[in-house]
Amino acid sequence: MESDEPDYMSDDFLANHPTEDVRPGLLMSRAKKREHEAMKRSHENQEQQKLLNKKLFQQKTRAEGLNKPIDSTNKGYALLQKMGYKPGTGIGKNETGRTEPIGISIKNDRKGLGRENAIKEVNALKVALGTKRMRTESISVDDYRARVAAEAAERQANGDLRSSQRVCYELDSKEGTTEPLEAWFWPPREEETKEDDEREEDISESDSDEDIKELTVLEKLKLVTVYLRSAHLYCVWCGVQYDNSEDLDQSCPGSTREDH
């Protein structure tokens, strides 16, 4: 008994039923191709229009939200009112500050994403560095001037100290004093100076001597000046040995160079 079902594998079936190319996406004619391209363009236009409408809607909504004043139901606004803020007035104790919040700048493209912020940071840093450099240069100039002034004052004090030492030696010697009250009250002897330059003296010194070594030139000058005025009624800047204490107090303007 023959089956009524056709033999799909027979030559007769294949001859009577030519194959059709049903691969997906393959267009059989130019008309279908044009129709497909038209549909594709239409779909793309629709998507672009949707995207444009969405952006416009977002921009409109954002603008409305930013321009809408904060009402009293806002917790932050309510807190400001409790702190004394009045609508329309400036912030701050004197009400001279901002009356409107800082505007928000919306970035609408992706070109150079983050570059604008980077430029702002770089420019701000340049300003900060420039300010710091100016401040540093100003401090350096002030330090230089102070150092120069201090060096000049020390040189002047050294000169005054040497003059005081010579006068102290002469006046002490006139009175028969053979040893200075402090070694540096008199000018150093040449042999002592040479020995100090060639080697350090390896001797034990008293606490008083160690303290004296720590004195500055100005401090030494002050001590010698006190000694000269008290012991000999002499002022190194006046260049005068006065008759008595009263004469010294009345005629000498003071015990420092600045007083003269």
Protein backbone atom coordinates (compact mmCIF):
# COMPACT_ATOMS: atom_id res chain seq x y z
CA MET A 1 0.00 0.00 0.00
CA GLU A 2 1.38 3.32 -1.13
CA SER A 3 1.60 6.14 1.35
CA ASP A 4 -0.21 9.39 0.50
CA GLU A 5 2.55 11.41 2.15
CA PRO A 6 4.97 12.91 -0.44
CA ASP A 7 8.56 11.84 -0.47
CA TYR A 8 10.43 15.01 0.33
CA MET A 9 13.75 13.44 -0.61
CA SER A 10 12.70 12.27 -4.11
CA ASP A 11 13.88 13.95 -7.30
CA ASP A 12 10.30 14.51 -8.47
CA PHE A 13 9.44 16.52 -5.34
CA LEU A 14 12.52 18.70 -5.64
CA ALA A 15 11.84 19.36 -9.34
CA ASN A 16 8.23 20.39 -8.72
CA HIS A 17 9.10 22.57 -5.67
CA PRO A 18 12.02 24.90 -6.45
CA THR A 19 13.84 26.12 -3.36
CA GLU A 20 13.29 29.66 -2.09
CA ASP A 21 16.01 31.65 -0.33
CA VAL A 22 14.46 32.52 2.97
CA ARG A 23 17.60 33.70 4.74
CA PRO A 24 16.78 36.45 7.21
CA GLY A 25 17.55 39.98 6.07
CA LEU A 26 18.03 39.09 2.39
CA LEU A 27 15.98 41.34 0.06
CA MET A 28 14.71 39.79 -3.10
CA SER A 29 14.09 43.00 -5.07
CA ARG A 30 15.08 46.66 -5.34
CA ALA A 31 11.58 47.68 -4.37
CA LYS A 32 11.78 45.78 -1.12
CA LYS A 33 15.26 47.17 -0.53
CA ARG A 34 14.02 50.76 -0.98
CA GLU A 35 11.07 50.03 1.25
CA HIS A 36 13.37 48.62 3.91
CA GLU A 37 15.69 51.66 3.76
CA ALA A 38 12.72 54.01 3.97
CA MET A 39 11.40 52.20 7.01
CA LYS A 40 14.86 52.28 8.56
CA ARG A 41 15.20 56.05 8.03
CA SER A 42 11.74 56.60 9.38
CA HIS A 43 12.56 54.60 12.48
CA GLU A 44 15.83 56.51 13.01
CA ASN A 45 14.04 59.84 12.61
CA GLN A 46 11.44 58.77 15.12
CA GLU A 47 14.14 57.76 17.62
CA GLN A 48 16.01 61.04 17.13
CA GLN A 49 12.80 62.98 17.58
CA LYS A 50 12.04 61.07 20.75
CA LEU A 51 15.54 61.77 22.07
CA LEU A 52 15.25 65.46 21.15
CA ASN A 53 11.86 65.74 22.77
CA LYS A 54 13.23 64.03 25.88
CA LYS A 55 16.17 66.47 26.11
CA LEU A 56 13.90 69.46 25.58
CA PHE A 57 11.54 68.19 28.22
CA GLN A 58 14.41 67.63 30.65
CA GLN A 59 15.81 71.11 30.00
CA LYS A 60 12.41 72.70 30.44
CA THR A 61 11.73 70.76 33.63
CA ARG A 62 15.19 71.56 34.99
CA ALA A 63 14.83 75.27 34.23
CA GLU A 64 11.44 75.38 35.88
CA GLY A 65 12.82 73.60 38.94
CA LEU A 66 15.85 75.89 39.23
CA ASN A 67 13.79 79.05 38.79
CA LYS A 68 11.18 77.97 41.28
CA PRO A 69 11.79 79.57 44.70
CA ILE A 70 12.15 77.28 47.68
CA ASP A 71 8.98 77.36 49.69
CA SER A 72 8.56 77.32 53.44
CA THR A 73 7.87 73.58 53.46
CA ASN A 74 11.54 72.94 52.72
CA LYS A 75 13.37 71.95 55.92
CA GLY A 76 16.52 73.88 55.07
CA TYR A 77 14.54 77.00 54.22
CA ALA A 78 12.53 76.69 57.41
CA LEU A 79 15.79 76.43 59.38
CA LEU A 80 17.12 79.60 57.73
CA GLN A 81 13.95 81.45 58.68
CA LYS A 82 14.33 80.33 62.28
CA MET A 83 17.88 81.74 62.20
CA GLY A 84 16.50 85.14 61.16
CA TYR A 85 16.61 84.98 57.36
CA LYS A 86 13.99 87.06 55.54
CA PRO A 87 13.03 86.41 51.89
CA GLY A 88 14.66 88.89 49.51
CA THR A 89 17.36 90.03 51.93
CA GLY A 90 21.05 89.16 51.80
CA ILE A 91 22.59 86.50 53.98
CA GLY A 92 24.99 87.32 56.80
CA LYS A 93 24.89 89.41 59.92
CA ASN A 94 24.62 92.70 58.03
CA GLU A 95 22.36 91.24 55.32
CA THR A 96 24.86 92.29 52.65
CA GLY A 97 25.61 88.83 51.30
CA ARG A 98 24.05 86.94 48.41
CA THR A 99 20.34 87.33 47.81
CA GLU A 100 20.25 84.55 45.22
CA PRO A 101 21.90 81.12 45.29
CA ILE A 102 24.89 80.40 43.06
CA GLY A 103 23.71 79.30 39.64
CA ILE A 104 24.21 75.73 38.45
CA SER A 105 26.12 75.21 35.20
CA ILE A 106 24.81 72.15 33.35
CA LYS A 107 27.16 70.35 30.97
CA ASN A 108 25.11 69.18 27.96
CA ASP A 109 27.80 67.44 25.94
CA ARG A 110 30.43 64.80 26.54
CA LYS A 111 33.21 66.57 24.68
CA GLY A 112 36.23 66.87 26.94
CA LEU A 113 34.40 65.35 29.86
CA GLY A 114 36.03 66.67 33.02
CA ARG A 115 38.33 69.06 31.17
CA GLU A 116 36.44 72.16 32.22
CA ASN A 117 36.77 71.23 35.88
CA ALA A 118 40.44 70.40 35.34
CA ILE A 119 41.04 73.81 33.75
CA LYS A 120 39.33 75.52 36.66
CA GLU A 121 41.45 73.58 39.16
CA VAL A 122 44.66 74.34 37.26
CA ASN A 123 43.84 78.05 37.03
CA ALA A 124 42.94 78.18 40.71
CA LEU A 125 46.20 76.43 41.59
CA LYS A 126 48.17 78.87 39.42
CA VAL A 127 46.61 81.78 41.26
CA ALA A 128 47.36 80.14 44.61
CA LEU A 129 50.95 79.40 43.60
CA GLY A 130 51.41 82.94 42.35
CA THR A 131 50.07 84.34 45.60
CA LYS A 132 52.27 82.00 47.60
CA ARG A 133 55.32 82.95 45.52
CA MET A 134 54.63 86.63 46.02
CA ARG A 135 54.21 86.06 49.74
CA THR A 136 57.40 83.99 49.86
CA GLU A 137 59.33 86.60 47.90
CA SER A 138 58.00 89.28 50.22
CA ILE A 139 59.04 87.28 53.27
CA SER A 140 62.44 86.61 51.70
CA VAL A 141 62.99 90.31 51.07
CA ASP A 142 61.96 91.13 54.62
CA ASP A 143 64.22 88.39 55.97
CA TYR A 144 67.10 89.66 53.85
CA ARG A 145 66.63 93.21 55.05
CA ALA A 146 66.39 92.07 58.65
CA ARG A 147 69.52 89.93 58.26
CA VAL A 148 71.45 92.79 56.65
CA ALA A 149 70.34 95.14 59.43
CA ALA A 150 71.33 92.60 62.08
CA GLU A 151 74.74 92.08 60.48
CA ALA A 152 75.30 95.84 60.29
CA ALA A 153 74.28 96.21 63.93
CA GLU A 154 76.64 93.41 64.93
CA ARG A 155 79.54 95.01 63.04
CA GLN A 156 78.81 98.31 64.73
CA ALA A 157 78.60 96.59 68.11
CA ASN A 158 81.92 94.87 67.46
CA GLY A 159 83.52 98.22 66.76
CA ASP A 160 82.00 99.74 69.90
CA LEU A 161 83.13 96.72 71.94
CA ARG A 162 86.74 97.04 70.75
CA SER A 163 86.72 100.75 71.59
CA SER A 164 85.28 100.02 75.02
CA GLN A 165 87.89 97.31 75.64
CA ARG A 166 90.76 99.69 74.83
CA VAL A 167 89.34 102.42 77.05
CA CYS A 168 88.68 99.92 79.84
CA TYR A 169 92.28 98.70 79.67
CA GLU A 170 93.67 102.25 79.79
CA LEU A 171 91.47 103.39 82.68
CA ASP A 172 92.02 100.20 84.68
CA SER A 173 95.77 100.45 84.13
CA LYS A 174 95.81 104.06 85.34
CA GLU A 175 94.27 102.94 88.59
CA GLY A 176 96.79 100.12 88.98
CA THR A 177 94.48 97.26 88.04
CA THR A 178 96.52 94.37 86.67
CA GLU A 179 93.74 91.96 85.73
CA PRO A 180 90.44 92.75 84.01
CA LEU A 181 87.17 91.96 85.74
CA GLU A 182 86.42 89.65 82.81
CA ALA A 183 89.02 88.49 80.34
CA TRP A 184 87.19 90.08 77.42
CA PHE A 185 86.85 93.46 79.18
CA TRP A 186 90.32 94.23 77.81
CA PRO A 187 91.55 93.81 74.24
CA PRO A 188 92.97 90.31 73.58
CA ARG A 189 96.76 90.10 73.52
CA GLU A 190 98.39 89.22 70.20
CA GLU A 191 99.83 85.93 71.42
CA GLU A 192 96.45 84.88 72.80
CA THR A 193 94.79 85.73 69.52
CA LYS A 194 97.32 83.65 67.55
CA GLU A 195 96.95 80.70 69.88
CA ASP A 196 93.17 80.82 69.60
CA ASP A 197 93.44 80.83 65.82
CA GLU A 198 95.86 77.88 65.68
CA ARG A 199 94.32 75.55 68.25
CA GLU A 200 91.60 75.29 70.84
CA GLU A 201 92.83 75.58 74.38
CA ASP A 202 92.33 72.33 76.25
CA ILE A 203 91.70 73.72 79.71
CA SER A 204 88.91 73.39 82.21
CA GLU A 205 86.94 76.57 82.65
CA SER A 206 84.63 77.78 85.35
CA ASP A 207 80.86 77.94 84.91
CA SER A 208 81.16 81.72 84.77
CA ASP A 209 83.57 81.50 81.81
CA GLU A 210 81.27 79.10 80.00
CA ASP A 211 78.36 81.50 80.49
CA ILE A 212 80.46 84.36 79.15
CA LYS A 213 81.26 82.38 76.00
CA GLU A 214 77.56 82.18 75.29
CA LEU A 215 77.12 85.96 75.46
CA THR A 216 76.51 87.84 72.23
CA VAL A 217 78.53 90.85 71.14
CA LEU A 218 75.70 93.17 72.13
CA GLU A 219 75.49 91.56 75.57
CA LYS A 220 79.24 91.91 76.09
CA LEU A 221 79.07 95.54 75.01
CA LYS A 222 76.29 96.20 77.48
CA LEU A 223 78.29 94.67 80.36
CA VAL A 224 81.46 96.62 79.53
CA THR A 225 79.40 99.81 79.19
CA VAL A 226 77.89 99.30 82.64
CA TYR A 227 81.38 98.71 84.08
CA LEU A 228 82.88 101.81 82.42
CA ARG A 229 80.04 104.06 83.56
CA SER A 230 80.03 102.70 87.10
CA ALA A 231 83.76 102.25 87.73
CA HIS A 232 85.18 105.11 85.65
CA LEU A 233 82.23 107.45 84.92
CA TYR A 234 83.08 107.05 81.26
CA CYS A 235 80.81 106.98 78.19
CA VAL A 236 82.35 105.48 75.09
CA TRP A 237 79.92 107.29 72.74
CA CYS A 238 80.39 110.67 74.38
CA GLY A 239 84.13 109.98 74.60
CA VAL A 240 84.16 111.72 77.97
CA GLN A 241 85.12 110.73 81.51
CA TYR A 242 82.80 112.71 83.74
CA ASP A 243 83.66 114.24 87.09
CA ASN A 244 80.97 112.48 89.11
CA SER A 245 77.77 110.47 88.84
CA GLU A 246 75.58 113.56 88.78
CA ASP A 247 77.56 115.04 85.92
CA LEU A 248 77.29 111.73 84.02
CA ASP A 249 73.53 111.49 84.53
CA GLN A 250 72.88 115.08 83.48
CA SER A 251 75.28 115.38 80.56
CA CYS A 252 75.19 111.92 78.97
CA PRO A 253 71.97 111.12 77.02
CA GLY A 254 72.10 107.40 77.75
CA SER A 255 73.97 104.14 77.89
CA THR A 256 73.47 103.00 74.27
CA ARG A 257 74.47 104.19 70.81
CA GLU A 258 70.81 104.81 69.99
CA ASP A 259 70.55 107.26 72.89
CA HIS A 260 73.23 109.36 71.28
